[in-house]
Amino acid sequence: MLGLTLEQTIVYPEAKAKGRKEGREERKTEMLKFTVPLLLETGMSMEQIAQHLNVDIEAVQLAAQQNT
């Protein structure tokens, strides 16, 4: 076409970065889904879990709700 590869287009780096960000968010959600219930069983509060995992309390609450 214009002699450009996909990697040379303007939108490629943006799309790649967006995909990486979405992938990180999905991994973080999966990690919380398994970790939060275990930490709650140890007696930690949701606030403590959020602080130690460096995430919002809402993310911890959501993970806890998904496992009930």
N, C-alpha and C. Protein backbone atom coordinates (compact mmCIF):
# COMPACT_ATOMS: atom_id res chain seq x y z
N MET A 1 0.83 -1.18 0.00
CA MET A 1 0.00 0.00 0.00
C MET A 1 0.88 1.25 0.00
N LEU A 2 1.35 1.66 1.15
CA LEU A 2 2.22 2.83 1.23
C LEU A 2 3.65 2.45 1.60
N GLY A 3 3.91 1.18 1.66
CA GLY A 3 5.23 0.72 2.03
C GLY A 3 5.48 0.78 3.53
N LEU A 4 4.42 0.83 4.33
CA LEU A 4 4.54 0.88 5.78
C LEU A 4 4.17 -0.47 6.37
N THR A 5 4.84 -0.81 7.45
CA THR A 5 4.40 -1.98 8.20
C THR A 5 3.43 -1.52 9.27
N LEU A 6 2.74 -2.45 9.86
CA LEU A 6 1.78 -2.12 10.92
C LEU A 6 2.48 -1.37 12.05
N GLU A 7 3.67 -1.80 12.42
CA GLU A 7 4.42 -1.17 13.51
C GLU A 7 4.79 0.28 13.21
N GLN A 8 4.83 0.67 11.95
CA GLN A 8 5.22 2.02 11.57
C GLN A 8 4.04 2.99 11.54
N THR A 9 2.84 2.51 11.75
CA THR A 9 1.68 3.40 11.71
C THR A 9 1.58 4.19 13.01
N ILE A 10 0.84 5.26 12.97
CA ILE A 10 0.67 6.13 14.13
C ILE A 10 -0.16 5.44 15.21
N VAL A 11 -1.17 4.69 14.84
CA VAL A 11 -2.07 4.10 15.83
C VAL A 11 -1.50 2.86 16.49
N TYR A 12 -0.51 2.23 15.90
CA TYR A 12 0.02 0.98 16.46
C TYR A 12 0.56 1.15 17.88
N PRO A 13 1.43 2.12 18.15
CA PRO A 13 1.95 2.25 19.52
C PRO A 13 0.84 2.52 20.54
N GLU A 14 -0.16 3.30 20.14
CA GLU A 14 -1.27 3.59 21.04
C GLU A 14 -2.07 2.32 21.34
N ALA A 15 -2.36 1.55 20.31
CA ALA A 15 -3.12 0.32 20.48
C ALA A 15 -2.34 -0.69 21.33
N LYS A 16 -1.04 -0.76 21.09
CA LYS A 16 -0.19 -1.67 21.85
C LYS A 16 -0.16 -1.28 23.32
N ALA A 17 -0.02 -0.01 23.60
CA ALA A 17 0.00 0.48 24.98
C ALA A 17 -1.33 0.22 25.66
N LYS A 18 -2.42 0.44 24.94
CA LYS A 18 -3.75 0.20 25.51
C LYS A 18 -3.92 -1.28 25.83
N GLY A 19 -3.47 -2.14 24.96
CA GLY A 19 -3.56 -3.58 25.20
C GLY A 19 -2.75 -4.00 26.41
N ARG A 20 -1.56 -3.44 26.55
CA ARG A 20 -0.73 -3.75 27.71
C ARG A 20 -1.40 -3.30 29.00
N LYS A 21 -1.97 -2.11 28.98
CA LYS A 21 -2.63 -1.58 30.18
C LYS A 21 -3.81 -2.47 30.56
N GLU A 22 -4.61 -2.85 29.57
CA GLU A 22 -5.75 -3.72 29.85
C GLU A 22 -5.29 -5.07 30.39
N GLY A 23 -4.20 -5.58 29.87
CA GLY A 23 -3.66 -6.85 30.35
C GLY A 23 -3.20 -6.76 31.80
N ARG A 24 -2.56 -5.65 32.15
CA ARG A 24 -2.12 -5.46 33.54
C ARG A 24 -3.32 -5.36 34.46
N GLU A 25 -4.35 -4.66 34.03
CA GLU A 25 -5.54 -4.52 34.86
C GLU A 25 -6.23 -5.86 35.08
N GLU A 26 -6.28 -6.68 34.04
CA GLU A 26 -6.89 -8.01 34.16
C GLU A 26 -6.08 -8.88 35.12
N ARG A 27 -4.76 -8.84 35.03
CA ARG A 27 -3.92 -9.63 35.94
C ARG A 27 -4.09 -9.16 37.38
N LYS A 28 -4.20 -7.85 37.56
CA LYS A 28 -4.38 -7.29 38.91
C LYS A 28 -5.72 -7.76 39.48
N THR A 29 -6.77 -7.74 38.68
CA THR A 29 -8.08 -8.19 39.12
C THR A 29 -8.05 -9.67 39.49
N GLU A 30 -7.39 -10.47 38.68
CA GLU A 30 -7.28 -11.91 38.96
C GLU A 30 -6.50 -12.14 40.25
N MET A 31 -5.43 -11.39 40.45
CA MET A 31 -4.64 -11.53 41.66
C MET A 31 -5.48 -11.21 42.88
N LEU A 32 -6.25 -10.13 42.81
CA LEU A 32 -7.09 -9.75 43.94
C LEU A 32 -8.17 -10.79 44.20
N LYS A 33 -8.70 -11.37 43.15
CA LYS A 33 -9.76 -12.37 43.27
C LYS A 33 -9.31 -13.56 44.12
N PHE A 34 -8.04 -13.92 44.02
CA PHE A 34 -7.53 -15.05 44.78
C PHE A 34 -6.92 -14.64 46.12
N THR A 35 -6.33 -13.46 46.16
CA THR A 35 -5.60 -13.03 47.35
C THR A 35 -6.52 -12.49 48.45
N VAL A 36 -7.50 -11.69 48.08
CA VAL A 36 -8.35 -11.04 49.08
C VAL A 36 -9.04 -12.05 49.99
N PRO A 37 -9.68 -13.09 49.49
CA PRO A 37 -10.33 -14.03 50.41
C PRO A 37 -9.34 -14.69 51.38
N LEU A 38 -8.15 -14.99 50.92
CA LEU A 38 -7.14 -15.60 51.80
C LEU A 38 -6.74 -14.65 52.92
N LEU A 39 -6.56 -13.39 52.56
CA LEU A 39 -6.17 -12.41 53.57
C LEU A 39 -7.32 -12.11 54.54
N LEU A 40 -8.54 -12.13 54.05
CA LEU A 40 -9.69 -11.95 54.94
C LEU A 40 -9.78 -13.10 55.94
N GLU A 41 -9.46 -14.31 55.50
CA GLU A 41 -9.47 -15.47 56.39
C GLU A 41 -8.44 -15.35 57.51
N THR A 42 -7.37 -14.61 57.26
CA THR A 42 -6.35 -14.43 58.30
C THR A 42 -6.78 -13.40 59.33
N GLY A 43 -7.87 -12.71 59.06
CA GLY A 43 -8.37 -11.71 60.00
C GLY A 43 -8.06 -10.28 59.61
N MET A 44 -7.42 -10.09 58.47
CA MET A 44 -7.13 -8.72 58.04
C MET A 44 -8.42 -8.03 57.61
N SER A 45 -8.50 -6.75 57.86
CA SER A 45 -9.66 -5.97 57.42
C SER A 45 -9.47 -5.60 55.95
N MET A 46 -10.55 -5.19 55.33
CA MET A 46 -10.47 -4.77 53.93
C MET A 46 -9.56 -3.56 53.78
N GLU A 47 -9.60 -2.68 54.77
CA GLU A 47 -8.74 -1.49 54.73
C GLU A 47 -7.26 -1.88 54.80
N GLN A 48 -6.94 -2.84 55.68
CA GLN A 48 -5.56 -3.30 55.79
C GLN A 48 -5.09 -3.95 54.49
N ILE A 49 -5.96 -4.76 53.91
CA ILE A 49 -5.61 -5.43 52.66
C ILE A 49 -5.34 -4.40 51.57
N ALA A 50 -6.22 -3.42 51.44
CA ALA A 50 -6.05 -2.37 50.43
C ALA A 50 -4.73 -1.64 50.64
N GLN A 51 -4.42 -1.34 51.87
CA GLN A 51 -3.18 -0.62 52.17
C GLN A 51 -1.96 -1.47 51.84
N HIS A 52 -1.96 -2.73 52.25
CA HIS A 52 -0.79 -3.59 52.02
C HIS A 52 -0.61 -3.95 50.55
N LEU A 53 -1.71 -4.06 49.82
CA LEU A 53 -1.60 -4.39 48.40
C LEU A 53 -1.52 -3.15 47.52
N ASN A 54 -1.64 -1.98 48.14
CA ASN A 54 -1.56 -0.70 47.42
C ASN A 54 -2.62 -0.60 46.33
N VAL A 55 -3.87 -0.90 46.73
CA VAL A 55 -5.01 -0.79 45.82
C VAL A 55 -6.12 -0.03 46.53
N ASP A 56 -7.10 0.41 45.76
CA ASP A 56 -8.26 1.10 46.33
C ASP A 56 -9.11 0.13 47.13
N ILE A 57 -9.76 0.64 48.17
CA ILE A 57 -10.65 -0.18 48.98
C ILE A 57 -11.78 -0.76 48.12
N GLU A 58 -12.20 -0.01 47.11
CA GLU A 58 -13.26 -0.49 46.23
C GLU A 58 -12.85 -1.76 45.49
N ALA A 59 -11.59 -1.85 45.10
CA ALA A 59 -11.09 -3.04 44.41
C ALA A 59 -11.11 -4.24 45.35
N VAL A 60 -10.77 -4.01 46.61
CA VAL A 60 -10.79 -5.09 47.60
C VAL A 60 -12.24 -5.53 47.85
N GLN A 61 -13.13 -4.58 47.99
CA GLN A 61 -14.54 -4.90 48.22
C GLN A 61 -15.11 -5.69 47.04
N LEU A 62 -14.79 -5.29 45.83
CA LEU A 62 -15.27 -5.98 44.66
C LEU A 62 -14.74 -7.42 44.62
N ALA A 63 -13.47 -7.59 44.91
CA ALA A 63 -12.88 -8.94 44.94
C ALA A 63 -13.54 -9.80 46.00
N ALA A 64 -13.84 -9.21 47.14
CA ALA A 64 -14.50 -9.96 48.22
C ALA A 64 -15.91 -10.35 47.81
N GLN A 65 -16.62 -9.47 47.14
CA GLN A 65 -17.99 -9.76 46.71
C GLN A 65 -18.02 -10.86 45.65
N GLN A 66 -17.02 -10.90 44.79
CA GLN A 66 -16.97 -11.89 43.72
C GLN A 66 -16.75 -13.30 44.26
N ASN A 67 -16.26 -13.40 45.48
CA ASN A 67 -15.96 -14.69 46.07
C ASN A 67 -16.97 -15.10 47.14
N THR A 68 -18.13 -14.46 47.16
CA THR A 68 -19.15 -14.84 48.15
C THR A 68 -20.25 -15.61 47.49
